[in-house]
Amino acid sequence: MKNVKDQVYAALCTVSENVSDAYPCSWAEGSTIQYTEEQNDVYEASSDAEGMREDKALVRYRIDIWNNHSTSEAALQVDEAMKVTGLKRIACADVPDPSGMKHKQMRYEGIIDMDSDSVYWR
């Protein structure tokens, strides 16, 4: 398992002060961003004298953006900010929200080499 949560959080904090890995309990005037690790699996493994070893991990993050008026600007900023993580955007869509707020959901994923932290795309 490879933990990249700190890097994702740091990247998102460059976009908004309201970033959390939990559902927002209060809504900011600007954009509110929630990030969730959806997947962190062994992608490639090998064995040696010490036993099984994870060589590469597949990670996927979902990023939700809420805003009273528009999520477009924040989505562009999130996309730019996430480039530093090496994760690739694989999906982006508007989501109906019963609260009346604008809601956009984005997904990013990559395959991370456990030894070098290099990120590969499928």
Foldseek 3Di string as FASTA:
>chain_A
DDDCPVLLQVLLCVLDVQEECDDDPDQDQAKHKHKHWPAWAQPDWDADPVGIDRFKIKTKMKMKIWHQPDCVVSVVSSQVSCVVLVWAWDDKDWDDDPVNITMMMIMTIFMAGPPPRDTHDD
